[in-house]
Protein backbone atom coordinates (compact mmCIF):
# COMPACT_ATOMS: atom_id res chain seq x y z
CA MET A 1 13.45 3.13 -5.18
CA GLN A 2 13.17 5.91 -7.76
CA MET A 3 10.12 8.57 -8.39
CA LEU A 4 8.78 8.07 -12.02
CA TYR A 5 5.83 10.08 -11.86
CA ASN A 6 4.18 12.65 -9.30
CA SER A 7 1.31 14.67 -9.92
CA ASP A 8 -1.41 16.45 -7.67
CA SER A 9 -3.29 13.04 -7.85
CA PHE A 10 -0.64 10.20 -8.26
CA SER A 11 2.83 9.24 -7.44
CA VAL A 12 4.60 6.28 -8.88
CA LEU A 13 7.46 4.52 -7.44
CA GLU A 14 9.94 1.78 -8.86
CA ILE A 15 11.18 -0.37 -6.04
CA GLU A 16 13.91 -2.61 -6.72
CA TRP A 17 15.59 -5.22 -4.21
CA ALA A 18 18.16 -7.83 -4.25
CA ASP A 19 16.77 -11.15 -3.33
CA GLY A 20 19.33 -12.52 -0.99
CA PRO A 21 22.97 -11.72 -0.29
CA ALA A 22 25.20 -10.45 -3.56
CA PRO A 23 27.15 -13.22 -4.67
CA ALA A 24 30.91 -13.04 -4.11
CA ASP A 25 31.76 -14.07 -7.65
CA GLU A 26 31.46 -10.58 -9.60
CA ALA A 27 30.59 -12.87 -12.74
CA VAL A 28 27.18 -14.20 -11.45
CA PRO A 29 24.58 -11.47 -11.58
CA THR A 30 22.21 -10.57 -8.67
CA VAL A 31 18.94 -11.45 -8.67
CA THR A 32 16.55 -8.63 -8.22
CA GLN A 33 12.82 -8.34 -7.55
CA GLY A 34 10.76 -5.33 -7.56
CA GLY A 35 7.62 -3.53 -8.66
CA TYR A 36 5.57 -0.49 -8.82
CA GLU A 37 3.92 1.23 -5.91
CA ILE A 38 0.94 3.56 -6.89
CA VAL A 39 -0.64 6.10 -4.43
CA ASP A 40 -3.67 7.82 -4.99
CA LYS A 41 -3.45 10.85 -3.22
CA LEU A 42 -7.08 11.98 -3.43
CA ALA A 43 -8.31 8.64 -2.34
CA GLY A 44 -5.83 8.23 0.33
CA LYS A 45 -5.21 4.53 -0.97
CA GLY A 46 -1.87 2.84 -2.54
CA ILE A 47 -1.11 -0.56 -4.40
CA PHE A 48 1.94 -2.35 -5.15
CA LEU A 49 2.33 -3.99 -8.39
CA ASN A 50 4.66 -6.94 -8.91
CA GLY A 51 5.12 -9.68 -11.33
CA GLU A 52 3.19 -10.00 -14.51
CA LEU A 53 0.83 -6.87 -13.39
CA ALA A 54 4.05 -4.84 -13.11
CA ARG A 55 5.44 -6.03 -16.12
CA HIS A 56 1.81 -5.00 -18.24
CA PHE A 57 2.14 -1.44 -16.13
CA ARG A 58 5.77 -1.02 -17.31
CA GLU A 59 4.56 -1.90 -20.92
CA GLN A 60 1.79 0.69 -21.38
CA ALA A 61 3.74 3.19 -19.48
CA LEU A 62 6.81 2.67 -21.82
CA ALA A 63 4.31 2.88 -24.85
CA LEU A 64 2.62 6.10 -23.45
CA SER A 65 5.71 7.85 -22.89
CA GLN A 66 6.56 7.64 -26.87
CA GLY A 67 4.03 10.14 -27.56
CA GLU A 68 3.02 13.18 -26.36
CA ALA A 69 0.77 12.42 -23.49
CA ASP A 70 -0.38 15.33 -21.13
CA GLU A 71 -0.75 14.86 -17.38
CA ASP A 72 -4.48 14.25 -17.72
CA VAL A 73 -3.86 11.06 -20.02
CA VAL A 74 -0.92 9.88 -17.84
CA ASP A 75 -3.10 10.45 -14.70
CA ASP A 76 -6.06 8.81 -16.43
CA PHE A 77 -3.74 5.47 -17.33
CA ILE A 78 -2.22 5.41 -13.79
CA ALA A 79 -6.32 5.70 -12.27
CA GLY A 80 -7.04 2.35 -14.46
CA TYR A 81 -4.31 0.42 -11.91
CA ALA A 82 -5.21 2.90 -8.81
CA GLY A 83 -8.72 1.83 -9.06
CA LEU A 84 -7.38 -1.74 -7.77
CA ALA A 85 -5.86 0.00 -4.75
CA GLN A 86 -7.25 -1.07 -1.09
CA GLN A 87 -4.58 -0.17 1.21
CA PRO A 88 -5.10 3.14 2.98
CA VAL A 89 -1.98 5.41 3.21
CA VAL A 90 -1.15 5.99 6.43
CA LEU A 91 1.63 8.30 7.81
CA HIS A 92 3.20 7.90 11.32
């Protein structure tokens, strides 16, 4: 798990895990899965992106990082995905 972005409004984590046990033969690559968790701090909701949606998010984020985007631009980009969030963030 790696924190990619953290502002007053949003946090974005990249999450990756191995799909099954590590192979005994080091020549065989470990299959991994993963995605991105976006937490909208103001709305108190979160969403996990995986598969095609995660790939699309990554491509857009990388393109955005090539320019001189300030925090407001990045937050606006993330808000487009955070708007899909339905899961309330619960602390326990």
